[in-house]
Protein backbone atom coordinates (compact mmCIF):
# COMPACT_ATOMS: atom_id res chain seq x y z
CA UNK A 1 145.43 75.17 -189.35
CA UNK A 2 145.01 71.53 -188.38
CA UNK A 3 142.40 68.76 -188.39
CA UNK A 4 141.96 65.25 -187.05
CA UNK A 5 143.79 62.60 -189.04
CA UNK A 6 141.52 60.87 -191.52
CA UNK A 7 141.55 57.52 -189.70
CA UNK A 8 140.76 58.90 -186.24
CA UNK A 9 137.47 57.56 -184.86
CA UNK A 10 135.63 59.47 -182.12
CA UNK A 11 132.53 58.31 -180.24
CA UNK A 12 130.75 58.58 -176.92
CA UNK A 13 130.34 55.87 -174.29
CA UNK A 14 128.21 57.11 -171.38
CA UNK A 15 130.16 60.01 -169.85
CA UNK A 16 133.34 59.26 -171.74
CA UNK A 17 134.73 60.24 -175.14
CA UNK A 18 136.64 57.50 -176.94
CA UNK A 19 139.32 58.44 -179.47
CA UNK A 20 140.89 55.71 -181.57
CA UNK A 21 143.61 55.62 -184.24
CA UNK A 22 144.61 52.18 -185.41
CA UNK A 23 145.49 50.11 -182.34
CA UNK A 24 145.74 53.17 -180.10
CA UNK A 25 142.65 53.89 -178.02
CA UNK A 26 142.11 56.72 -175.56
CA UNK A 27 139.28 56.96 -173.04
CA UNK A 28 138.64 60.46 -171.74
CA UNK A 29 136.25 61.37 -168.94
CA UNK A 30 134.14 64.03 -170.63
CA UNK A 31 131.04 64.55 -168.46
CA UNK A 32 129.51 67.37 -170.47
CA UNK A 33 130.87 66.36 -173.90
CA UNK A 34 133.04 69.45 -174.16
CA UNK A 35 136.02 67.62 -175.63
CA UNK A 36 133.76 65.57 -177.90
CA UNK A 37 132.09 68.68 -179.28
CA UNK A 38 135.45 70.41 -179.75
CA UNK A 39 136.91 67.71 -181.99
CA UNK A 40 133.73 66.76 -183.88
CA UNK A 41 132.29 70.17 -184.73
CA UNK A 42 133.88 70.14 -188.18
CA UNK A 43 136.00 73.21 -187.56
CA UNK A 44 139.75 73.33 -188.13
CA UNK A 45 141.93 73.16 -185.04
CA UNK A 46 144.04 76.17 -184.11
CA UNK A 47 147.16 74.85 -182.38
CA UNK A 48 148.06 78.39 -181.29
CA UNK A 49 144.81 78.99 -179.43
CA UNK A 50 145.05 81.14 -176.32
CA UNK A 51 142.07 79.54 -174.61
CA UNK A 52 143.20 77.45 -171.67
CA UNK A 53 140.84 74.51 -172.18
CA UNK A 54 141.41 74.36 -175.91
CA UNK A 55 145.16 74.52 -175.36
CA UNK A 56 144.91 71.42 -173.16
CA UNK A 57 142.95 69.64 -175.89
CA UNK A 58 145.51 70.64 -178.52
CA UNK A 59 148.45 69.48 -176.41
CA UNK A 60 146.82 66.06 -176.02
CA UNK A 61 146.05 65.77 -179.73
CA UNK A 62 149.60 66.77 -180.69
CA UNK A 63 151.24 64.46 -178.15
CA UNK A 64 149.29 61.42 -179.38
CA UNK A 65 149.72 62.29 -183.09
CA UNK A 66 145.96 62.55 -183.68
CA UNK A 67 146.02 65.73 -185.76
CA UNK A 68 147.74 66.82 -188.94
CA UNK A 69 148.12 69.92 -191.05
CA UNK A 70 145.01 70.59 -193.08
CA UNK A 71 146.18 70.14 -196.65
CA UNK A 72 144.43 69.12 -199.84
CA UNK A 73 146.12 66.19 -201.52
CA UNK A 74 146.44 65.96 -205.29
CA UNK A 75 143.81 63.58 -206.64
CA UNK A 76 146.23 61.22 -208.39
CA UNK A 77 147.29 57.58 -207.98
CA UNK A 78 149.06 58.44 -204.72
CA UNK A 79 146.13 59.97 -202.85
CA UNK A 80 145.37 56.81 -200.83
CA UNK A 81 149.07 56.60 -199.98
CA UNK A 82 149.00 60.18 -198.69
CA UNK A 83 146.16 59.42 -196.30
CA UNK A 84 147.94 56.26 -195.14
CA UNK A 85 151.19 58.15 -194.50
CA UNK A 86 149.22 60.87 -192.75
CA UNK A 87 147.85 58.33 -190.30
CA UNK A 88 151.18 56.62 -189.51
CA UNK A 89 153.13 59.86 -189.36
CA UNK A 90 154.64 60.36 -185.90
CA UNK A 91 154.30 64.13 -186.09
CA UNK A 92 151.45 66.56 -186.50
CA UNK A 93 153.20 68.31 -189.38
CA UNK A 94 152.40 67.18 -192.94
CA UNK A 95 153.95 63.82 -193.81
CA UNK A 96 156.89 63.89 -196.22
CA UNK A 97 156.96 60.11 -196.73
CA UNK A 98 155.44 60.13 -200.20
CA UNK A 99 157.80 62.78 -201.53
CA UNK A 100 160.74 60.88 -200.04
CA UNK A 101 159.70 57.53 -201.54
CA UNK A 102 159.34 59.09 -204.99
CA UNK A 103 163.04 59.98 -204.87
CA UNK A 104 164.22 56.42 -204.12
CA UNK A 105 166.25 54.40 -206.60
CA UNK A 106 165.85 50.67 -205.97
CA UNK A 107 167.71 47.84 -207.66
CA UNK A 108 165.81 44.54 -207.82
CA UNK A 109 167.76 41.46 -208.77
CA UNK A 110 165.54 38.68 -210.10
CA UNK A 111 162.14 39.17 -211.76
CA UNK A 112 160.54 35.87 -210.83
CA UNK A 113 157.60 35.12 -208.57
CA UNK A 114 159.15 37.10 -205.73
CA UNK A 115 160.78 39.96 -207.60
CA UNK A 116 157.77 40.95 -209.69
CA UNK A 117 155.56 41.09 -206.60
CA UNK A 118 158.03 43.25 -204.67
CA UNK A 119 158.36 45.48 -207.72
CA UNK A 120 154.60 45.94 -208.08
CA UNK A 121 154.30 46.90 -204.41
CA UNK A 122 157.12 49.44 -204.67
CA UNK A 123 155.65 50.92 -207.85
CA UNK A 124 152.32 51.33 -206.05
CA UNK A 125 154.08 52.94 -203.06
CA UNK A 126 155.55 55.54 -205.38
CA UNK A 127 159.15 54.57 -206.11
CA UNK A 128 159.97 56.32 -209.39
CA UNK A 129 163.33 54.83 -210.36
CA UNK A 130 164.34 51.19 -210.66
CA UNK A 131 167.19 49.14 -211.98
CA UNK A 132 165.93 45.66 -212.87
CA UNK A 133 168.33 42.77 -213.34
CA UNK A 134 167.40 39.42 -214.90
CA UNK A 135 168.97 37.52 -217.78
CA UNK A 136 165.95 35.26 -218.42
CA UNK A 137 163.32 35.28 -221.11
CA UNK A 138 159.65 34.74 -220.29
CA UNK A 139 158.69 31.08 -220.18
CA UNK A 140 155.28 29.41 -219.95
CA UNK A 141 156.24 28.08 -216.51
CA UNK A 142 156.49 31.68 -215.25
CA UNK A 143 152.83 32.47 -215.83
CA UNK A 144 151.53 30.65 -212.75
CA UNK A 145 153.01 33.14 -210.28
CA UNK A 146 154.89 36.01 -211.94
CA UNK A 147 153.24 39.36 -212.55
CA UNK A 148 153.43 41.42 -215.77
CA UNK A 149 153.88 38.47 -218.15
CA UNK A 150 151.32 37.00 -220.58
CA UNK A 151 151.48 34.24 -223.22
CA UNK A 152 152.26 36.92 -225.80
CA UNK A 153 155.52 37.63 -223.96
CA UNK A 154 156.95 34.11 -224.24
CA UNK A 155 160.62 34.13 -225.34
CA UNK A 156 160.90 37.89 -224.80
CA UNK A 157 163.32 39.37 -222.29
CA UNK A 158 161.75 39.70 -218.84
CA UNK A 159 163.33 43.05 -218.09
CA UNK A 160 162.27 44.47 -221.45
CA UNK A 161 158.66 43.30 -221.00
CA UNK A 162 158.49 44.88 -217.53
CA UNK A 163 160.14 48.08 -218.73
CA UNK A 164 157.52 48.51 -221.45
CA UNK A 165 154.68 47.71 -219.05
CA UNK A 166 155.80 50.26 -216.48
CA UNK A 167 156.20 52.95 -219.15
CA UNK A 168 152.57 52.42 -220.13
CA UNK A 169 151.52 52.38 -216.46
CA UNK A 170 153.33 55.61 -215.59
CA UNK A 171 155.67 57.17 -218.12
CA UNK A 172 157.38 59.14 -215.34
CA UNK A 173 158.87 55.97 -213.84
CA UNK A 174 162.50 55.59 -214.85
CA UNK A 175 163.37 51.92 -215.47
CA UNK A 176 166.96 50.88 -216.13
CA UNK A 177 167.46 47.25 -217.19
CA UNK A 178 170.26 44.72 -217.25
CA UNK A 179 170.30 41.20 -218.72
CA UNK A 180 173.48 40.32 -216.86
CA UNK A 181 173.74 37.01 -215.04
CA UNK A 182 175.29 37.95 -211.72
CA UNK A 183 178.53 36.29 -210.71
CA UNK A 184 181.61 37.47 -208.82
CA UNK A 185 183.02 38.48 -212.20
CA UNK A 186 179.99 40.37 -213.57
CA UNK A 187 178.68 42.15 -210.46
CA UNK A 188 180.80 45.26 -211.10
CA UNK A 189 179.14 46.13 -214.41
CA UNK A 190 175.74 46.36 -212.72
CA UNK A 191 176.76 48.64 -209.86
CA UNK A 192 179.52 50.71 -211.47
CA UNK A 193 178.74 54.43 -211.57
CA UNK A 194 175.25 54.08 -210.11
CA UNK A 195 173.75 55.14 -206.79
CA UNK A 196 171.04 53.08 -205.14
CA UNK A 197 168.99 53.63 -202.01
CA UNK A 198 168.22 49.93 -201.56
CA UNK A 199 169.29 46.55 -202.93
CA UNK A 200 166.58 43.87 -203.17
CA UNK A 201 167.65 40.33 -203.93
CA UNK A 202 164.88 38.08 -205.24
CA UNK A 203 167.10 35.75 -207.26
CA UNK A 204 168.12 32.21 -206.32
CA UNK A 205 170.91 31.53 -208.81
CA UNK A 206 173.80 31.13 -208.68
CA UNK A 207 173.64 29.35 -205.33
CA UNK A 208 175.93 31.96 -203.76
CA UNK A 209 173.92 34.90 -205.12
CA UNK A 210 173.13 36.28 -201.65
CA UNK A 211 176.79 36.40 -200.65
CA UNK A 212 177.81 38.02 -203.95
CA UNK A 213 175.26 40.82 -203.59
CA UNK A 214 175.72 41.22 -199.84
CA UNK A 215 179.44 41.82 -200.28
CA UNK A 216 178.64 44.56 -202.79
CA UNK A 217 176.12 46.09 -200.35
CA UNK A 218 178.90 46.26 -197.75
CA UNK A 219 181.44 47.85 -200.10
CA UNK A 220 178.92 50.47 -201.26
CA UNK A 221 177.21 50.91 -197.87
CA UNK A 222 173.71 50.32 -199.26
CA UNK A 223 170.78 48.83 -197.26
CA UNK A 224 169.97 45.29 -198.35
CA UNK A 225 167.11 42.79 -198.14
CA UNK A 226 166.83 39.27 -199.49
CA UNK A 227 164.28 36.47 -199.45
CA UNK A 228 163.13 33.27 -201.08
CA UNK A 229 160.18 30.90 -201.38
CA UNK A 230 160.21 27.13 -200.90
CA UNK A 231 157.46 24.54 -200.89
CA UNK A 232 156.29 24.77 -197.27
CA UNK A 233 158.22 27.78 -196.02
CA UNK A 234 159.40 31.15 -197.20
CA UNK A 235 162.19 33.27 -195.77
CA UNK A 236 163.18 36.92 -195.71
CA UNK A 237 165.55 39.17 -193.83
CA UNK A 238 164.74 42.48 -192.28
CA UNK A 239 166.44 45.46 -193.91
CA UNK A 240 170.14 45.10 -193.19
CA UNK A 241 171.53 48.62 -193.14
CA UNK A 242 174.81 48.20 -191.29
CA UNK A 243 177.87 46.45 -192.70
CA UNK A 244 178.28 44.24 -189.63
CA UNK A 245 174.72 42.94 -190.00
CA UNK A 246 175.21 42.20 -193.69
CA UNK A 247 178.49 40.42 -192.89
CA UNK A 248 176.58 38.24 -190.42
CA UNK A 249 174.21 37.27 -193.24
CA UNK A 250 177.14 36.23 -195.43
CA UNK A 251 178.45 33.94 -192.67
CA UNK A 252 174.95 32.52 -192.18
CA UNK A 253 174.56 31.80 -195.89
CA UNK A 254 177.94 30.09 -196.09
CA UNK A 255 177.01 27.81 -193.18
CA UNK A 256 173.49 27.07 -194.45
CA UNK A 257 173.86 26.29 -198.14
CA UNK A 258 170.48 24.96 -199.28
CA UNK A 259 171.67 23.66 -202.66
CA UNK A 260 169.87 24.15 -205.95
CA UNK A 261 166.45 25.93 -206.06
CA UNK A 262 163.26 23.86 -205.98
CA UNK A 263 161.27 23.53 -209.19
CA UNK A 264 157.79 23.70 -207.64
CA UNK A 265 156.36 27.11 -206.80
CA UNK A 266 152.86 28.59 -206.46
CA UNK A 267 151.43 32.09 -206.70
CA UNK A 268 149.98 32.43 -203.20
CA UNK A 269 153.23 31.75 -201.32
CA UNK A 270 155.20 34.09 -203.57
CA UNK A 271 152.56 36.77 -203.01
CA UNK A 272 152.86 36.38 -199.24
CA UNK A 273 156.64 36.62 -198.99
CA UNK A 274 156.91 39.30 -201.66
CA UNK A 275 154.34 41.48 -199.94
CA UNK A 276 155.97 40.98 -196.53
CA UNK A 277 159.33 42.02 -197.95
CA UNK A 278 157.74 45.10 -199.52
CA UNK A 279 156.21 45.95 -196.16
CA UNK A 280 159.61 45.54 -194.49
CA UNK A 281 160.92 48.08 -196.97
CA UNK A 282 158.02 50.44 -196.23
CA UNK A 283 158.61 50.16 -192.49
CA UNK A 284 162.31 50.89 -192.99
CA UNK A 285 161.53 54.03 -194.96
CA UNK A 286 158.84 55.33 -192.60
CA UNK A 287 160.18 54.42 -189.15
CA UNK A 288 162.56 56.88 -187.61
CA UNK A 289 164.16 54.13 -185.51
CA UNK A 290 165.91 51.46 -187.55
CA UNK A 291 165.77 47.82 -186.52
CA UNK A 292 168.63 47.09 -184.13
CA UNK A 293 168.61 43.36 -184.89
CA UNK A 294 169.76 41.42 -187.92
CA UNK A 295 167.64 38.36 -188.50
CA UNK A 296 166.30 35.94 -191.05
CA UNK A 297 162.63 35.02 -190.75
CA UNK A 298 161.02 31.73 -191.75
CA UNK A 299 157.28 31.60 -192.40
CA UNK A 300 155.47 28.26 -192.37
CA UNK A 301 152.77 28.38 -195.04
CA UNK A 302 150.70 25.62 -193.39
CA UNK A 303 150.15 27.27 -190.00
CA UNK A 304 151.63 30.76 -190.61
CA UNK A 305 154.05 30.29 -187.72
CA UNK A 306 157.00 32.68 -187.95
CA UNK A 307 160.44 31.72 -186.64
CA UNK A 308 163.24 34.26 -186.43
CA UNK A 309 166.94 33.42 -186.35
CA UNK A 310 169.42 36.04 -185.23
CA UNK A 311 172.28 36.49 -187.67
């Protein structure tokens, strides 16, 4: 049996019934409130009904993705996710997004202001296996924008601190760590013998870090995303899932070398870019149609204007 999706809103306006889900809004002429009564009476919806009028209602609800299988979600930390995935699901069958995300293995390179925010978002989404790469120890200067770290963690390894935190948060999360500083010579030891579903670059050193990792994404055929935060702007790519698109990024990086990283950085701008990158990842995992473009996006933090450059 089926029911309306949790986020569907239904109301009357004169002789019309209005049905809304997110930005989608449907206005149905319903003189005697028959359709309104059918979908608001609290009963489950039988998609195999033999009644002609009800069959028409069901066909409309299925076509517009307004109904879903009536299932009871487990009351755990993912229950809000399940309702979200239910609402964005492009099919009336039960969403499998949460189960799929739990099986992902993501490597995040760089646990600074950007990397820790992306990590926290992916943990909350339900990713259950990570490989975290960062050679640095926690410094007082990290505490203004980087999650997970406290003054008690100063001089301790970043990846070890995060690994311990995530074990306490959810002991089922598998966290692999590496203190390797990535160069052309050391990149092999990080990727050798491992399988990843996504590579996230949130590091800014060495200056050719993006090219080093992008080349490895091409050789292993793994989707890739990278980003960074400056003083007045932040940048991020969409998910690059085809080798040609990643190769275009390498050429772009070689022609647009921005030199050494800036020292100044603030929490709010890192939060913005990190969350956008996490949302790009979510969209990639939940959209059936992958992005056909390869681009790098620049967000102006003063006016929130977004500029996109094709790669």
